[in-house]
Each structure stands twice: as structure tokens, then as C-alpha cells.
N, C-alpha and C. Protein backbone atom coordinates (compact mmCIF):
# COMPACT_ATOMS: atom_id res chain seq x y z
N MET A 1 67.38 48.70 49.34
CA MET A 1 68.76 49.15 49.33
C MET A 1 69.33 49.07 50.75
N GLU A 2 70.50 48.58 50.87
CA GLU A 2 71.19 48.36 52.13
C GLU A 2 71.96 49.63 52.49
N HIS A 3 71.89 50.05 53.72
CA HIS A 3 72.67 51.20 54.21
C HIS A 3 73.66 50.69 55.26
N ASN A 4 74.81 51.33 55.32
CA ASN A 4 75.80 50.99 56.33
C ASN A 4 75.40 51.66 57.64
N HIS A 5 75.11 50.86 58.65
CA HIS A 5 74.63 51.40 59.91
C HIS A 5 75.62 51.25 61.06
N LYS A 6 76.90 51.11 60.76
CA LYS A 6 77.90 51.01 61.82
C LYS A 6 77.87 52.24 62.72
N HIS A 7 77.59 53.38 62.13
CA HIS A 7 77.55 54.63 62.89
C HIS A 7 76.47 54.62 63.96
N GLN A 8 75.49 53.75 63.85
CA GLN A 8 74.36 53.76 64.77
C GLN A 8 74.60 52.96 66.05
N LYS A 9 75.71 52.24 66.14
CA LYS A 9 75.93 51.41 67.33
C LYS A 9 75.89 52.23 68.61
N ASP A 10 76.55 53.38 68.62
CA ASP A 10 76.54 54.24 69.80
C ASP A 10 75.14 54.76 70.07
N VAL A 11 74.45 55.17 69.02
CA VAL A 11 73.09 55.67 69.17
C VAL A 11 72.18 54.56 69.69
N LYS A 12 72.32 53.39 69.13
CA LYS A 12 71.51 52.24 69.55
C LYS A 12 71.76 51.94 71.03
N THR A 13 73.02 51.91 71.43
CA THR A 13 73.37 51.64 72.82
C THR A 13 72.77 52.69 73.74
N ARG A 14 72.89 53.95 73.37
CA ARG A 14 72.35 55.04 74.19
C ARG A 14 70.83 54.97 74.25
N ALA A 15 70.19 54.70 73.13
CA ALA A 15 68.72 54.63 73.09
C ALA A 15 68.22 53.47 73.95
N ILE A 16 68.86 52.33 73.85
CA ILE A 16 68.44 51.17 74.65
C ILE A 16 68.63 51.47 76.14
N HIS A 17 69.73 52.11 76.48
CA HIS A 17 69.97 52.49 77.88
C HIS A 17 68.86 53.41 78.38
N ARG A 18 68.49 54.38 77.56
CA ARG A 18 67.43 55.31 77.96
C ARG A 18 66.08 54.62 78.06
N ILE A 19 65.82 53.67 77.17
CA ILE A 19 64.56 52.91 77.23
C ILE A 19 64.48 52.14 78.54
N LYS A 20 65.59 51.55 78.96
CA LYS A 20 65.61 50.81 80.23
C LYS A 20 65.32 51.74 81.41
N ILE A 21 65.84 52.95 81.34
CA ILE A 21 65.55 53.93 82.39
C ILE A 21 64.06 54.27 82.39
N VAL A 22 63.49 54.48 81.20
CA VAL A 22 62.07 54.79 81.08
C VAL A 22 61.24 53.64 81.65
N GLN A 23 61.64 52.41 81.35
CA GLN A 23 60.91 51.26 81.89
C GLN A 23 60.89 51.28 83.41
N GLY A 24 62.01 51.65 84.00
CA GLY A 24 62.08 51.76 85.46
C GLY A 24 61.13 52.83 85.97
N HIS A 25 61.09 53.96 85.27
CA HIS A 25 60.18 55.04 85.67
C HIS A 25 58.72 54.62 85.52
N LEU A 26 58.41 53.86 84.47
CA LEU A 26 57.04 53.38 84.29
C LEU A 26 56.64 52.44 85.42
N LYS A 27 57.55 51.59 85.83
CA LYS A 27 57.26 50.69 86.96
C LYS A 27 57.02 51.51 88.23
N LYS A 28 57.80 52.58 88.36
CA LYS A 28 57.63 53.47 89.52
C LYS A 28 56.24 54.11 89.49
N ILE A 29 55.79 54.55 88.32
CA ILE A 29 54.46 55.14 88.20
C ILE A 29 53.39 54.11 88.57
N GLN A 30 53.54 52.91 88.07
CA GLN A 30 52.59 51.85 88.40
C GLN A 30 52.53 51.63 89.90
N GLN A 31 53.71 51.55 90.52
CA GLN A 31 53.75 51.33 91.98
C GLN A 31 53.12 52.51 92.72
N MET A 32 53.37 53.73 92.25
CA MET A 32 52.78 54.90 92.88
C MET A 32 51.26 54.86 92.80
N LEU A 33 50.74 54.43 91.65
CA LEU A 33 49.29 54.31 91.50
C LEU A 33 48.73 53.23 92.43
N GLU A 34 49.41 52.11 92.47
CA GLU A 34 48.96 51.02 93.34
C GLU A 34 49.00 51.42 94.81
N ASP A 35 49.96 52.26 95.17
CA ASP A 35 50.12 52.70 96.56
C ASP A 35 49.33 53.96 96.87
N ASP A 36 48.49 54.40 95.93
CA ASP A 36 47.67 55.62 96.11
C ASP A 36 48.50 56.84 96.50
N LYS A 37 49.63 57.01 95.83
CA LYS A 37 50.48 58.18 96.08
C LYS A 37 49.78 59.44 95.58
N TYR A 38 50.31 60.56 95.98
CA TYR A 38 49.73 61.87 95.65
C TYR A 38 49.71 62.07 94.13
N CYS A 39 48.56 62.48 93.61
CA CYS A 39 48.33 62.60 92.16
C CYS A 39 49.38 63.47 91.46
N VAL A 40 49.70 64.59 92.05
CA VAL A 40 50.66 65.51 91.42
C VAL A 40 52.03 64.85 91.30
N ASP A 41 52.41 64.08 92.29
CA ASP A 41 53.69 63.36 92.22
C ASP A 41 53.68 62.35 91.08
N ILE A 42 52.55 61.68 90.88
CA ILE A 42 52.44 60.71 89.79
C ILE A 42 52.55 61.42 88.44
N VAL A 43 51.90 62.55 88.31
CA VAL A 43 51.95 63.32 87.06
C VAL A 43 53.37 63.80 86.79
N HIS A 44 54.08 64.23 87.82
CA HIS A 44 55.48 64.66 87.63
C HIS A 44 56.32 63.50 87.10
N GLN A 45 56.11 62.33 87.64
CA GLN A 45 56.84 61.15 87.19
C GLN A 45 56.47 60.83 85.73
N SER A 46 55.19 60.93 85.41
CA SER A 46 54.73 60.69 84.04
C SER A 46 55.35 61.68 83.05
N ARG A 47 55.41 62.91 83.45
CA ARG A 47 56.02 63.93 82.57
C ARG A 47 57.50 63.66 82.37
N ALA A 48 58.16 63.16 83.37
CA ALA A 48 59.58 62.81 83.22
C ALA A 48 59.73 61.69 82.18
N VAL A 49 58.82 60.73 82.19
CA VAL A 49 58.86 59.66 81.20
C VAL A 49 58.62 60.22 79.80
N GLN A 50 57.64 61.09 79.66
CA GLN A 50 57.35 61.69 78.36
C GLN A 50 58.54 62.49 77.85
N SER A 51 59.18 63.22 78.72
CA SER A 51 60.37 63.99 78.34
C SER A 51 61.49 63.06 77.90
N ALA A 52 61.68 61.97 78.62
CA ALA A 52 62.73 61.00 78.27
C ALA A 52 62.45 60.37 76.91
N LEU A 53 61.20 60.06 76.62
CA LEU A 53 60.84 59.49 75.32
C LEU A 53 61.10 60.48 74.19
N LYS A 54 60.81 61.74 74.42
CA LYS A 54 61.09 62.76 73.40
C LYS A 54 62.59 62.86 73.13
N LYS A 55 63.39 62.73 74.18
CA LYS A 55 64.85 62.78 74.01
C LYS A 55 65.34 61.58 73.21
N ILE A 56 64.73 60.42 73.42
CA ILE A 56 65.08 59.24 72.64
C ILE A 56 64.73 59.48 71.18
N ASP A 57 63.54 60.03 70.93
CA ASP A 57 63.14 60.36 69.56
C ASP A 57 64.16 61.28 68.89
N LEU A 58 64.56 62.32 69.61
CA LEU A 58 65.51 63.28 69.05
C LEU A 58 66.86 62.64 68.75
N LEU A 59 67.30 61.76 69.62
CA LEU A 59 68.56 61.03 69.40
C LEU A 59 68.49 60.23 68.10
N ILE A 60 67.39 59.52 67.91
CA ILE A 60 67.22 58.70 66.71
C ILE A 60 67.05 59.56 65.47
N ILE A 61 66.29 60.65 65.58
CA ILE A 61 66.09 61.55 64.44
C ILE A 61 67.41 62.20 64.03
N GLU A 62 68.20 62.62 65.01
CA GLU A 62 69.50 63.23 64.71
C GLU A 62 70.38 62.25 63.95
N ASP A 63 70.40 61.01 64.40
CA ASP A 63 71.20 60.00 63.72
C ASP A 63 70.68 59.78 62.30
N HIS A 64 69.37 59.76 62.17
CA HIS A 64 68.76 59.58 60.84
C HIS A 64 69.18 60.72 59.90
N LEU A 65 69.12 61.94 60.40
CA LEU A 65 69.50 63.09 59.58
C LEU A 65 70.98 63.06 59.20
N ASN A 66 71.82 62.68 60.16
CA ASN A 66 73.26 62.68 59.92
C ASN A 66 73.74 61.56 59.02
N HIS A 67 72.96 60.50 58.91
CA HIS A 67 73.44 59.34 58.16
C HIS A 67 72.47 58.90 57.08
N CYS A 68 71.30 58.47 57.47
CA CYS A 68 70.35 57.90 56.51
C CYS A 68 69.92 58.91 55.46
N VAL A 69 69.60 60.12 55.89
CA VAL A 69 69.15 61.15 54.95
C VAL A 69 70.25 61.47 53.94
N ILE A 70 71.46 61.58 54.42
CA ILE A 70 72.58 61.87 53.53
C ILE A 70 72.74 60.75 52.50
N ASP A 71 72.67 59.50 52.98
CA ASP A 71 72.76 58.36 52.06
C ASP A 71 71.63 58.36 51.04
N GLN A 72 70.41 58.66 51.50
CA GLN A 72 69.26 58.66 50.60
C GLN A 72 69.42 59.73 49.52
N VAL A 73 69.85 60.90 49.91
CA VAL A 73 70.01 61.99 48.93
C VAL A 73 71.11 61.64 47.94
N LYS A 74 72.21 61.10 48.43
CA LYS A 74 73.30 60.68 47.53
C LYS A 74 72.84 59.62 46.54
N ASN A 75 71.86 58.81 46.94
CA ASN A 75 71.35 57.74 46.09
C ASN A 75 70.12 58.15 45.29
N GLY A 76 69.84 59.44 45.24
CA GLY A 76 68.73 59.94 44.43
C GLY A 76 67.35 59.68 45.01
N GLU A 77 67.28 59.49 46.32
CA GLU A 77 66.00 59.21 46.97
C GLU A 77 65.43 60.45 47.67
N GLU A 78 65.54 61.61 47.01
CA GLU A 78 65.09 62.85 47.62
C GLU A 78 63.62 62.83 47.98
N LYS A 79 62.79 62.25 47.12
CA LYS A 79 61.35 62.23 47.38
C LYS A 79 61.05 61.44 48.66
N LYS A 80 61.66 60.27 48.79
CA LYS A 80 61.48 59.46 50.00
C LYS A 80 61.90 60.24 51.23
N THR A 81 63.04 60.90 51.14
CA THR A 81 63.57 61.68 52.25
C THR A 81 62.61 62.80 52.63
N THR A 82 62.13 63.51 51.63
CA THR A 82 61.21 64.62 51.88
C THR A 82 59.94 64.12 52.55
N GLU A 83 59.38 63.03 52.06
CA GLU A 83 58.16 62.47 52.64
C GLU A 83 58.37 62.06 54.10
N GLU A 84 59.49 61.41 54.36
CA GLU A 84 59.80 60.98 55.73
C GLU A 84 59.94 62.18 56.67
N LEU A 85 60.66 63.19 56.21
CA LEU A 85 60.88 64.36 57.07
C LEU A 85 59.59 65.12 57.32
N LEU A 86 58.74 65.21 56.31
CA LEU A 86 57.44 65.88 56.51
C LEU A 86 56.59 65.12 57.52
N LYS A 87 56.65 63.80 57.50
CA LYS A 87 55.91 63.01 58.49
C LYS A 87 56.46 63.27 59.90
N LEU A 88 57.77 63.44 60.01
CA LEU A 88 58.35 63.73 61.32
C LEU A 88 57.90 65.09 61.83
N PHE A 89 57.81 66.07 60.97
CA PHE A 89 57.36 67.40 61.39
C PHE A 89 55.91 67.38 61.81
N ASP A 90 55.13 66.45 61.27
CA ASP A 90 53.73 66.31 61.64
C ASP A 90 53.59 65.54 62.94
N TYR A 91 54.70 64.96 63.42
CA TYR A 91 54.73 64.17 64.64
C TYR A 91 54.39 65.04 65.82
N LYS A 92 53.48 64.57 66.62
CA LYS A 92 53.06 65.37 67.79
C LYS A 92 53.24 64.59 69.06
């Protein structure tokens, strides 16, 4: 079944922008490791990347809840929706 995803353009743009930022941070971590920088500084940078990835996940999940889930429920796909959401709650 096809869903209208016009609403996701802004989310997609924001997520891609954030991914590019994360890529820059990952390169920074690599350079810090290669340059034998202080371990705690490397871990702080790594945690910033992890936090940014979680924010990207939340952005995508919010969009999914606001659009895809509503469409699925309207189309009688409650079981699929429930299964997907339970998998997200199990996400660690």
C-alpha cells in the first residue's frame, strides 16, 4: 500500500542535515584517536554523536507517529502498527 509522504520532506531534510553533522563528528573522533588525544575528550565527542543519533531517531519516530501510524490505523492495519510500535519500545 502506498502512503503519501509529502509531509516527510522537511523531516527528511532535517534528518539528512543532522546525519552530515554526525559524519563530521565521527571524522573528528577518528582524527582525535589518530592524534592520541585525551581519552575523556574522545568519549565526550562519542557521546555527542550518540546523542545526535538518538535525536535523529526521535525526529523520524515522531514523523512516523504523526503520519504513517495514523494512515495505517485508518486503513485497518492496527496489528501492523502495534507490532511496529512494540519493536520501537524494545529499541535500546
